[in-house]
Amino acid sequence: MMKEPKKYPNRIRKLRKARNLTQAKLGEAIGVSAAGISQLENGERDLKIHRLRQIAGELNVTPADLLSADDNPYLAAPQARQLLDLYSRADDRSREAILKVAEILAN
């Protein structure tokens, strides 16, 4: 039987362990069981925004720090962040041009 991929990848486990917290201690602090923390870490349970904020507060990080690299542009490679910054500062016409150039270069 194939294992299903994670639905909601995140960095909770990594950041929790970096702070030497057990799942039980983190769960106790935010009112969730250790099993519930495990489900959140494994992406088996929806991570609601209020829970994301609670966990971030307990781990002394921003909510964005808990997101996976795919969901957090601040964790992207420097060149990707630079491209994202340029794109976000561009007007609509320039954004279309950036996308067209990127599509040409990617293919």
C-alpha atoms as a PDB file:
ATOM      1  CA  MET A   1       0.000   0.000   0.000  1.00  0.00           C
ATOM      2  CA  MET A   2       1.399   3.414  -0.985  1.00  0.00           C
ATOM      3  CA  LYS A   3       1.590   6.086   1.654  1.00  0.00           C
ATOM      4  CA  GLU A   4      -0.315   9.245   0.773  1.00  0.00           C
ATOM      5  CA  PRO A   5       1.815  12.370   0.445  1.00  0.00           C
ATOM      6  CA  LYS A   6       1.485  15.048   3.081  1.00  0.00           C
ATOM      7  CA  LYS A   7      -1.475  17.282   2.498  1.00  0.00           C
ATOM      8  CA  TYR A   8      -0.187  20.250   4.483  1.00  0.00           C
ATOM      9  CA  PRO A   9       3.615  20.272   4.733  1.00  0.00           C
ATOM     10  CA  ASN A  10       5.057  22.600   7.348  1.00  0.00           C
ATOM     11  CA  ARG A  11       8.087  23.199   9.558  1.00  0.00           C
ATOM     12  CA  ILE A  12       6.494  22.752  12.978  1.00  0.00           C
ATOM     13  CA  ARG A  13       8.452  19.609  13.922  1.00  0.00           C
ATOM     14  CA  LYS A  14      11.788  21.103  12.905  1.00  0.00           C
ATOM     15  CA  LEU A  15      11.207  24.321  14.845  1.00  0.00           C
ATOM     16  CA  ARG A  16       9.741  22.504  17.867  1.00  0.00           C
ATOM     17  CA  LYS A  17      12.748  20.186  18.100  1.00  0.00           C
ATOM     18  CA  ALA A  18      15.148  23.110  17.665  1.00  0.00           C
ATOM     19  CA  ARG A  19      13.612  24.522  20.865  1.00  0.00           C
ATOM     20  CA  ASN A  20      13.810  21.163  22.667  1.00  0.00           C
ATOM     21  CA  LEU A  21      10.030  20.957  23.111  1.00  0.00           C
ATOM     22  CA  THR A  22       8.143  17.689  23.091  1.00  0.00           C
ATOM     23  CA  GLN A  23       4.857  17.320  21.277  1.00  0.00           C
ATOM     24  CA  ALA A  24       3.209  16.977  24.680  1.00  0.00           C
ATOM     25  CA  LYS A  25       4.683  20.255  26.000  1.00  0.00           C
ATOM     26  CA  LEU A  26       3.766  22.202  22.866  1.00  0.00           C
ATOM     27  CA  GLY A  27       0.301  20.666  22.895  1.00  0.00           C
ATOM     28  CA  GLU A  28      -0.197  21.487  26.552  1.00  0.00           C
ATOM     29  CA  ALA A  29       0.723  25.119  25.895  1.00  0.00           C
ATOM     30  CA  ILE A  30      -1.871  25.510  23.135  1.00  0.00           C
ATOM     31  CA  GLY A  31      -4.575  23.109  24.310  1.00  0.00           C
ATOM     32  CA  VAL A  32      -3.961  20.255  21.885  1.00  0.00           C
ATOM     33  CA  SER A  33      -3.003  16.645  22.609  1.00  0.00           C
ATOM     34  CA  ALA A  34       0.419  15.288  21.665  1.00  0.00           C
ATOM     35  CA  ALA A  35      -1.366  13.202  19.023  1.00  0.00           C
ATOM     36  CA  GLY A  36      -2.941  16.388  17.665  1.00  0.00           C
ATOM     37  CA  ILE A  37       0.479  18.035  17.412  1.00  0.00           C
ATOM     38  CA  SER A  38       1.752  14.950  15.596  1.00  0.00           C
ATOM     39  CA  GLN A  39      -1.117  15.183  13.119  1.00  0.00           C
ATOM     40  CA  LEU A  40      -0.381  18.872  12.522  1.00  0.00           C
ATOM     41  CA  GLU A  41       3.332  18.191  12.029  1.00  0.00           C
ATOM     42  CA  ASN A  42       2.645  15.351   9.612  1.00  0.00           C
ATOM     43  CA  GLY A  43       0.192  17.384   7.582  1.00  0.00           C
ATOM     44  CA  GLU A  44      -2.662  15.049   8.465  1.00  0.00           C
ATOM     45  CA  ARG A  45      -4.744  17.790  10.048  1.00  0.00           C
ATOM     46  CA  ASP A  46      -5.729  21.223   8.759  1.00  0.00           C
ATOM     47  CA  LEU A  47      -3.620  23.960  10.274  1.00  0.00           C
ATOM     48  CA  LYS A  48      -6.115  26.724  10.974  1.00  0.00           C
ATOM     49  CA  ILE A  49      -4.837  30.294  11.203  1.00  0.00           C
ATOM     50  CA  HIS A  50      -5.593  30.627  14.928  1.00  0.00           C
ATOM     51  CA  ARG A  51      -3.642  27.429  15.613  1.00  0.00           C
ATOM     52  CA  LEU A  52      -0.805  28.594  13.367  1.00  0.00           C
ATOM     53  CA  ARG A  53      -0.581  31.801  15.420  1.00  0.00           C
ATOM     54  CA  GLN A  54      -0.669  29.900  18.725  1.00  0.00           C
ATOM     55  CA  ILE A  55       2.120  27.560  17.666  1.00  0.00           C
ATOM     56  CA  ALA A  56       4.204  30.405  16.257  1.00  0.00           C
ATOM     57  CA  GLY A  57       3.852  32.272  19.540  1.00  0.00           C
ATOM     58  CA  GLU A  58       4.965  29.264  21.581  1.00  0.00           C
ATOM     59  CA  LEU A  59       7.938  28.663  19.283  1.00  0.00           C
ATOM     60  CA  ASN A  60       8.810  32.378  19.201  1.00  0.00           C
ATOM     61  CA  VAL A  61       8.650  32.570  15.397  1.00  0.00           C
ATOM     62  CA  THR A  62       6.336  34.222  12.896  1.00  0.00           C
ATOM     63  CA  PRO A  63       3.446  32.230  11.440  1.00  0.00           C
ATOM     64  CA  ALA A  64       5.212  32.404   8.054  1.00  0.00           C
ATOM     65  CA  ASP A  65       8.213  30.604   9.578  1.00  0.00           C
ATOM     66  CA  LEU A  66       6.009  27.549  10.138  1.00  0.00           C
ATOM     67  CA  LEU A  67       5.123  27.233   6.455  1.00  0.00           C
ATOM     68  CA  SER A  68       6.981  25.000   4.030  1.00  0.00           C
ATOM     69  CA  ALA A  69       9.345  26.529   1.489  1.00  0.00           C
ATOM     70  CA  ASP A  70       6.670  26.141  -1.197  1.00  0.00           C
ATOM     71  CA  ASP A  71       4.314  28.353   0.800  1.00  0.00           C
ATOM     72  CA  ASN A  72       6.831  30.826   2.217  1.00  0.00           C
ATOM     73  CA  PRO A  73       8.692  33.045  -0.257  1.00  0.00           C
ATOM     74  CA  TYR A  74      11.123  34.071   2.491  1.00  0.00           C
ATOM     75  CA  LEU A  75      12.496  30.513   2.476  1.00  0.00           C
ATOM     76  CA  ALA A  76      13.059  30.536  -1.288  1.00  0.00           C
ATOM     77  CA  ALA A  77      16.501  30.772  -2.866  1.00  0.00           C
ATOM     78  CA  PRO A  78      17.894  34.324  -3.078  1.00  0.00           C
ATOM     79  CA  GLN A  79      17.353  34.503  -6.851  1.00  0.00           C
ATOM     80  CA  ALA A  80      13.741  33.382  -6.483  1.00  0.00           C
ATOM     81  CA  ARG A  81      13.136  36.014  -3.808  1.00  0.00           C
ATOM     82  CA  GLN A  82      14.716  38.661  -6.038  1.00  0.00           C
ATOM     83  CA  LEU A  83      12.489  37.651  -8.941  1.00  0.00           C
ATOM     84  CA  LEU A  84       9.422  37.689  -6.696  1.00  0.00           C
ATOM     85  CA  ASP A  85      10.358  41.148  -5.417  1.00  0.00           C
ATOM     86  CA  LEU A  86      10.827  42.502  -8.936  1.00  0.00           C
ATOM     87  CA  TYR A  87       7.531  40.988 -10.028  1.00  0.00           C
ATOM     88  CA  SER A  88       5.653  42.433  -7.053  1.00  0.00           C
ATOM     89  CA  ARG A  89       6.977  45.938  -7.784  1.00  0.00           C
ATOM     90  CA  ALA A  90       6.134  45.784 -11.509  1.00  0.00           C
ATOM     91  CA  ASP A  91       2.989  47.216 -13.063  1.00  0.00           C
ATOM     92  CA  ASP A  92       0.452  44.901 -14.748  1.00  0.00           C
ATOM     93  CA  ARG A  93       1.974  45.228 -18.213  1.00  0.00           C
ATOM     94  CA  SER A  94       5.470  44.518 -16.935  1.00  0.00           C
ATOM     95  CA  ARG A  95       4.198  41.525 -14.961  1.00  0.00           C
ATOM     96  CA  GLU A  96       2.778  40.026 -18.142  1.00  0.00           C
ATOM     97  CA  ALA A  97       6.142  40.542 -19.853  1.00  0.00           C
ATOM     98  CA  ILE A  98       7.993  38.945 -16.931  1.00  0.00           C
ATOM     99  CA  LEU A  99       5.718  35.897 -17.108  1.00  0.00           C
ATOM    100  CA  LYS A 100       6.187  35.551 -20.868  1.00  0.00           C
ATOM    101  CA  VAL A 101       9.967  35.757 -20.592  1.00  0.00           C
ATOM    102  CA  ALA A 102       9.974  33.257 -17.714  1.00  0.00           C
ATOM    103  CA  GLU A 103       7.832  30.804 -19.716  1.00  0.00           C
ATOM    104  CA  ILE A 104      10.161  31.095 -22.719  1.00  0.00           C
ATOM    105  CA  LEU A 105      13.259  30.548 -20.597  1.00  0.00           C
ATOM    106  CA  ALA A 106      11.735  27.652 -18.669  1.00  0.00           C
ATOM    107  CA  ASN A 107      10.894  25.703 -21.828  1.00  0.00           C
END
